[in-house]
Amino acid sequence: MNAILLTVSVIMNLLYSVLRNSFCKKSQPNNSDMQVFNAVSSLISAITLAMIALVSNTLTMPSTYTLLLGIVFGIVTGVSSIMNLKALECGPLSYTSIICSCSMIIPALSGFVMYGDPVSASQWIGIALMLVSFVCAVDSRGDRNSGVGVSFKWFFLALGTFFCSGSVGIMQKIHQGSQYKDELSIFLVIAFLVATLTSILLTFYYSKTKNEKVTVLSGDNMKRFAIYTLVTGFGFALCNQINMFLAGAMPSIVFFPIVNGAGMLLTSAAGIFIWKERFTNRQWFGMVTGAVAIFLLCNLF
């Protein structure tokens, strides 16, 4: 059963990344379109999580602590999602996936700083390789017309996603280390509802002040938008629930490398083979180094 759930998680994570990248590349969305996409997919995630919690009888009234932390969590989650979409719009899926996957080290380092949790030698090596991968990401010798990881704009957006994703991990770690850890379900529902509201407000901002009207809800774009938001919203919520269960049901030495490593490798392969992403030798070296770093950051050794 665990193997089936793990396979579903990896496949849904791949679909989530591929469809978001396809939306950014094919729909040519403006800022308002991206906010609407994020709002609808976040709302679907919130509804999915609420339904799962109701079925499992884990949906409770939130404490003030959970409510306030959930609001902050939701805002950061929304910002992370938007920065990821913007990074995919102007850069490669493969390298973006590697940089974002490295964000797992931020909660680990926070535990080291705040709680004295040990950081293994392999994780320190992974951090060093991660930094090498980041340095290699932008290569001015690349083709600027190819749209593949050669711009500083893409790199800073990917790096912003890295820090936001890591911050999300820290907040989840803080909540689960508190006396309110049993309120996880409502904590996540609150977070995604806040992410939805944040994107709705930003949609009005871009529409009214920047005159960027929503275009993805009309014509041929509507069908693609509906399918993409449904799959990504449902898939992200489902992955979240499955991974929380498997993290406690499977050995760490099996679970984390497969979830983080396999997901990253499959997503990178999709970018390279489906979207024909091409890189300079320096960037290829950075991608390989980043992939190795992710396995080391899983703390297997």
Protein backbone atom coordinates (compact mmCIF):
# COMPACT_ATOMS: atom_id res chain seq x y z
CA MET A 1 0.00 0.00 0.00
CA ASN A 2 2.83 2.40 0.87
CA ALA A 3 4.45 1.75 -2.51
CA ILE A 4 1.19 2.62 -4.30
CA LEU A 5 0.77 5.84 -2.30
CA LEU A 6 4.40 6.78 -2.95
CA THR A 7 3.93 6.24 -6.69
CA VAL A 8 0.77 8.36 -6.67
CA SER A 9 2.60 11.13 -4.80
CA VAL A 10 5.51 11.22 -7.26
CA ILE A 11 3.18 11.18 -10.30
CA MET A 12 0.93 13.93 -8.92
CA ASN A 13 3.97 16.06 -8.08
CA LEU A 14 5.23 15.60 -11.65
CA LEU A 15 1.83 16.57 -13.10
CA TYR A 16 1.70 19.59 -10.79
CA SER A 17 5.05 20.88 -12.06
CA VAL A 18 4.48 20.04 -15.72
CA LEU A 19 1.02 21.64 -15.89
CA ARG A 20 2.15 24.82 -14.14
CA ASN A 21 5.05 25.08 -16.57
CA SER A 22 2.72 24.42 -19.52
CA PHE A 23 0.34 27.14 -18.31
CA CYS A 24 3.17 29.68 -18.14
CA LYS A 25 4.67 28.71 -21.49
CA LYS A 26 1.53 28.16 -23.61
CA SER A 27 -1.05 30.56 -22.18
CA GLN A 28 1.36 33.52 -22.09
CA PRO A 29 -0.37 34.83 -18.95
CA ASN A 30 -0.07 38.35 -17.59
CA ASN A 31 0.16 39.07 -13.85
CA SER A 32 -3.62 39.05 -13.39
CA ASP A 33 -3.88 35.67 -15.14
CA MET A 34 -1.24 34.19 -12.84
CA GLN A 35 -3.01 35.50 -9.75
CA VAL A 36 -6.34 34.01 -10.90
CA PHE A 37 -4.62 30.69 -11.63
CA ASN A 38 -3.05 30.68 -8.17
CA ALA A 39 -6.30 31.74 -6.48
CA VAL A 40 -8.41 28.99 -8.06
CA SER A 41 -5.83 26.22 -7.58
CA SER A 42 -5.30 27.28 -3.93
CA LEU A 43 -9.06 27.26 -3.34
CA ILE A 44 -9.32 23.75 -4.80
CA SER A 45 -6.46 22.67 -2.51
CA ALA A 46 -8.27 24.15 0.51
CA ILE A 47 -11.53 22.38 -0.38
CA THR A 48 -9.71 19.08 -0.94
CA LEU A 49 -7.88 19.32 2.40
CA ALA A 50 -11.12 20.23 4.20
CA MET A 51 -12.93 17.23 2.69
CA ILE A 52 -10.09 14.88 3.65
CA ALA A 53 -10.13 16.29 7.19
CA LEU A 54 -13.91 15.87 7.46
CA VAL A 55 -13.75 12.27 6.29
CA SER A 56 -10.90 11.48 8.69
CA ASN A 57 -12.58 13.44 11.51
CA THR A 58 -9.52 15.67 12.05
CA LEU A 59 -11.10 19.05 11.26
CA THR A 60 -11.26 21.11 14.46
CA MET A 61 -11.79 24.73 15.48
CA PRO A 62 -8.45 26.55 15.33
CA SER A 63 -6.76 28.16 18.30
CA THR A 64 -5.57 31.76 18.02
CA TYR A 65 -2.02 30.44 17.60
CA THR A 66 -2.98 28.20 14.68
CA LEU A 67 -5.11 30.94 13.10
CA LEU A 68 -2.36 33.60 13.19
CA LEU A 69 0.43 31.27 12.09
CA GLY A 70 -1.85 29.86 9.38
CA ILE A 71 -2.44 33.37 8.01
CA VAL A 72 1.31 34.06 7.77
CA PHE A 73 1.86 30.57 6.35
CA GLY A 74 -0.80 31.22 3.70
CA ILE A 75 0.66 34.56 2.63
CA VAL A 76 4.15 33.07 2.25
CA THR A 77 2.71 30.05 0.43
CA GLY A 78 0.90 32.34 -2.01
CA VAL A 79 4.02 34.43 -2.64
CA SER A 80 6.07 31.26 -3.15
CA SER A 81 3.59 29.92 -5.71
CA ILE A 82 3.50 33.20 -7.65
CA MET A 83 7.30 33.52 -7.70
CA ASN A 84 7.49 29.94 -8.95
CA LEU A 85 5.05 30.71 -11.77
CA LYS A 86 7.02 33.83 -12.71
CA ALA A 87 10.26 31.82 -12.70
CA LEU A 88 8.72 29.18 -14.98
CA GLU A 89 7.47 31.93 -17.28
CA CYS A 90 10.98 33.17 -18.06
CA GLY A 91 13.19 30.17 -17.24
CA PRO A 92 13.63 26.39 -17.39
CA LEU A 93 11.44 23.90 -15.54
CA SER A 94 14.40 21.57 -14.93
CA TYR A 95 16.79 23.99 -13.22
CA THR A 96 13.92 25.72 -11.38
CA SER A 97 12.90 22.34 -9.96
CA ILE A 98 16.42 21.66 -8.69
CA ILE A 99 16.77 25.04 -6.98
CA CYS A 100 13.34 24.77 -5.35
CA SER A 101 13.99 21.19 -4.18
CA CYS A 102 17.09 22.37 -2.32
CA SER A 103 14.83 24.44 -0.03
CA MET A 104 14.52 21.40 2.26
CA ILE A 105 17.83 22.45 3.85
CA ILE A 106 16.34 25.68 5.28
CA PRO A 107 14.12 23.94 7.89
CA ALA A 108 17.07 21.68 8.75
CA LEU A 109 19.35 24.67 9.34
CA SER A 110 16.62 26.41 11.35
CA GLY A 111 16.50 23.38 13.61
CA PHE A 112 20.28 23.59 14.00
CA VAL A 113 20.14 27.30 14.90
CA MET A 114 16.99 27.36 17.07
CA TYR A 115 16.91 23.92 18.68
CA GLY A 116 20.45 22.60 18.37
CA ASP A 117 19.39 19.80 16.02
CA PRO A 118 22.46 18.14 14.50
CA VAL A 119 23.41 18.69 10.85
CA SER A 120 25.30 15.71 9.42
CA ALA A 121 28.54 15.84 7.45
CA SER A 122 26.69 14.76 4.29
CA GLN A 123 24.26 17.67 4.70
CA TRP A 124 27.13 20.17 5.03
CA ILE A 125 28.63 18.74 1.83
CA GLY A 126 25.18 18.99 0.23
CA ILE A 127 24.97 22.66 1.22
CA ALA A 128 28.35 23.33 -0.41
CA LEU A 129 27.28 21.57 -3.62
CA MET A 130 23.97 23.44 -3.55
CA LEU A 131 25.84 26.76 -3.50
CA VAL A 132 27.98 25.60 -6.43
CA SER A 133 24.80 24.72 -8.33
CA PHE A 134 23.37 28.18 -7.64
CA VAL A 135 26.56 29.90 -8.84
CA CYS A 136 26.46 27.89 -12.08
CA ALA A 137 22.79 28.67 -12.76
CA VAL A 138 23.31 31.92 -14.65
CA ASP A 139 25.79 31.76 -17.52
CA SER A 140 26.15 34.84 -19.69
CA ARG A 141 27.54 32.67 -22.49
CA GLY A 142 24.12 31.05 -22.95
CA ASP A 143 21.64 32.03 -25.62
CA ARG A 144 19.47 34.80 -24.15
CA ASN A 145 16.83 34.14 -26.80
CA SER A 146 16.39 30.53 -25.68
CA GLY A 147 14.73 31.49 -22.39
CA VAL A 148 16.61 28.82 -20.46
CA GLY A 149 18.15 29.90 -17.23
CA VAL A 150 20.47 32.60 -18.47
CA SER A 151 18.78 35.65 -16.98
CA PHE A 152 19.27 37.09 -13.52
CA LYS A 153 15.52 37.76 -13.40
CA TRP A 154 14.79 34.02 -13.58
CA PHE A 155 17.51 33.21 -11.04
CA PHE A 156 16.24 35.70 -8.45
CA LEU A 157 12.66 34.46 -8.90
CA ALA A 158 13.81 30.85 -8.43
CA LEU A 159 15.89 31.91 -5.44
CA GLY A 160 12.87 33.74 -4.01
CA THR A 161 10.84 30.54 -4.36
CA PHE A 162 13.68 28.67 -2.63
CA PHE A 163 13.58 30.97 0.40
CA CYS A 164 9.77 31.10 0.56
CA SER A 165 9.48 27.31 0.34
CA GLY A 166 12.09 26.97 3.06
CA SER A 167 10.21 29.46 5.24
CA VAL A 168 7.03 27.43 4.77
CA GLY A 169 8.93 24.39 6.03
CA ILE A 170 10.12 26.31 9.09
CA MET A 171 6.59 27.43 9.97
CA GLN A 172 5.23 23.92 9.56
CA LYS A 173 8.06 22.65 11.79
CA ILE A 174 7.24 25.31 14.41
CA HIS A 175 3.53 24.47 14.36
CA GLN A 176 4.12 20.74 14.60
CA GLY A 177 6.51 21.29 17.49
CA SER A 178 3.90 23.23 19.46
CA GLN A 179 1.05 22.07 21.70
CA TYR A 180 -1.33 22.79 18.80
CA LYS A 181 0.11 20.16 16.45
CA ASP A 182 -3.21 18.26 16.38
CA GLU A 183 -4.71 21.25 14.53
CA LEU A 184 -2.63 20.56 11.41
CA SER A 185 -5.64 19.99 9.13
CA ILE A 186 -7.34 23.29 9.90
CA PHE A 187 -3.91 24.99 9.85
CA LEU A 188 -3.42 23.92 6.22
CA VAL A 189 -7.01 24.80 5.23
CA ILE A 190 -6.57 28.30 6.69
CA ALA A 191 -3.26 28.68 4.86
CA PHE A 192 -4.69 27.84 1.45
CA LEU A 193 -7.75 30.03 1.99
CA VAL A 194 -5.43 32.94 2.85
CA ALA A 195 -3.32 32.16 -0.24
CA THR A 196 -6.54 32.30 -2.28
CA LEU A 197 -7.54 35.66 -0.79
CA THR A 198 -4.03 37.06 -1.32
CA SER A 199 -4.13 36.19 -5.02
CA ILE A 200 -7.65 37.60 -5.43
CA LEU A 201 -6.53 40.93 -3.95
CA LEU A 202 -3.47 40.98 -6.21
CA THR A 203 -5.70 40.23 -9.21
CA PHE A 204 -7.72 43.38 -8.49
CA TYR A 205 -4.49 45.32 -7.99
CA TYR A 206 -3.02 44.35 -11.36
CA SER A 207 -6.36 44.71 -13.12
CA LYS A 208 -7.18 48.16 -11.76
CA THR A 209 -3.78 49.84 -11.37
CA LYS A 210 -1.76 48.12 -14.10
CA ASN A 211 -4.67 47.62 -16.52
CA GLU A 212 -3.75 43.93 -16.92
CA LYS A 213 -7.11 42.31 -17.59
CA VAL A 214 -7.75 38.62 -17.00
CA THR A 215 -7.57 36.74 -20.32
CA VAL A 216 -7.47 33.07 -19.29
CA LEU A 217 -11.21 32.85 -18.53
CA SER A 218 -12.34 33.30 -22.11
CA GLY A 219 -12.01 31.53 -25.44
CA ASP A 220 -9.75 28.51 -25.90
CA ASN A 221 -7.80 29.36 -22.74
CA MET A 222 -10.78 28.59 -20.49
CA LYS A 223 -10.72 24.81 -20.99
CA ARG A 224 -6.97 24.60 -20.39
CA PHE A 225 -7.30 26.85 -17.34
CA ALA A 226 -10.08 24.70 -15.83
CA ILE A 227 -8.18 21.43 -16.29
CA TYR A 228 -4.85 22.82 -15.08
CA THR A 229 -6.23 24.46 -11.93
CA LEU A 230 -8.30 21.40 -11.02
CA VAL A 231 -5.39 18.96 -11.40
CA THR A 232 -2.77 21.18 -9.76
CA GLY A 233 -5.01 22.21 -6.87
CA PHE A 234 -6.26 18.70 -6.14
CA GLY A 235 -2.85 17.13 -6.81
CA PHE A 236 -0.95 19.46 -4.49
CA ALA A 237 -3.38 18.83 -1.63
CA LEU A 238 -3.32 15.08 -2.21
CA CYS A 239 0.49 15.01 -2.28
CA ASN A 240 0.58 16.95 0.96
CA GLN A 241 -1.67 14.46 2.74
CA ILE A 242 0.07 11.38 1.32
CA ASN A 243 3.53 12.67 2.18
CA MET A 244 2.53 13.50 5.77
CA PHE A 245 1.27 9.93 6.17
CA LEU A 246 4.26 8.26 4.49
CA ALA A 247 6.79 10.34 6.44
CA GLY A 248 5.62 8.54 9.56
CA ALA A 249 4.93 5.16 7.95
CA MET A 250 8.14 4.60 5.94
CA PRO A 251 11.84 4.64 6.83
CA SER A 252 13.37 8.06 6.15
CA ILE A 253 16.18 6.46 4.14
CA VAL A 254 13.55 5.26 1.64
CA PHE A 255 10.90 7.99 1.76
CA PHE A 256 12.85 11.24 1.44
CA PRO A 257 15.21 10.26 -1.42
CA ILE A 258 12.30 8.97 -3.50
CA VAL A 259 9.96 11.92 -2.86
CA ASN A 260 12.59 14.62 -3.24
CA GLY A 261 15.02 12.88 -5.61
CA ALA A 262 12.65 11.06 -7.95
CA GLY A 263 10.32 14.05 -8.18
CA MET A 264 13.20 16.36 -9.04
CA LEU A 265 14.71 13.97 -11.61
CA LEU A 266 11.38 13.33 -13.37
CA THR A 267 10.51 17.03 -13.47
CA SER A 268 13.97 17.89 -14.80
CA ALA A 269 13.66 15.18 -17.44
CA ALA A 270 10.27 16.60 -18.49
CA GLY A 271 11.83 20.02 -18.97
CA ILE A 272 14.73 18.65 -21.00
CA PHE A 273 12.82 16.20 -23.21
CA ILE A 274 9.37 17.81 -23.53
CA TRP A 275 10.36 21.48 -23.68
CA LYS A 276 13.80 20.83 -25.21
CA GLU A 277 15.59 22.93 -22.60
CA ARG A 278 19.25 23.42 -23.41
CA PHE A 279 22.12 24.64 -21.26
CA THR A 280 25.78 25.58 -21.39
CA ASN A 281 28.37 23.14 -20.02
CA ARG A 282 28.58 25.22 -16.85
CA GLN A 283 24.82 24.99 -16.32
CA TRP A 284 24.79 21.23 -16.97
CA PHE A 285 27.50 20.90 -14.32
CA GLY A 286 25.38 23.01 -11.97
CA MET A 287 22.31 20.85 -12.55
CA VAL A 288 24.18 17.61 -11.87
CA THR A 289 25.78 19.15 -8.78
CA GLY A 290 22.37 20.31 -7.57
CA ALA A 291 20.87 16.84 -8.08
CA VAL A 292 23.68 15.27 -6.02
CA ALA A 293 23.19 17.96 -3.37
CA ILE A 294 19.50 17.06 -2.99
CA PHE A 295 20.31 13.42 -2.21
CA LEU A 296 22.96 14.51 0.31
CA LEU A 297 20.54 16.94 1.93
CA CYS A 298 18.17 14.01 2.53
CA ASN A 299 20.70 12.96 5.20
CA LEU A 300 21.12 9.36 4.10
CA PHE A 301 24.67 8.93 5.35
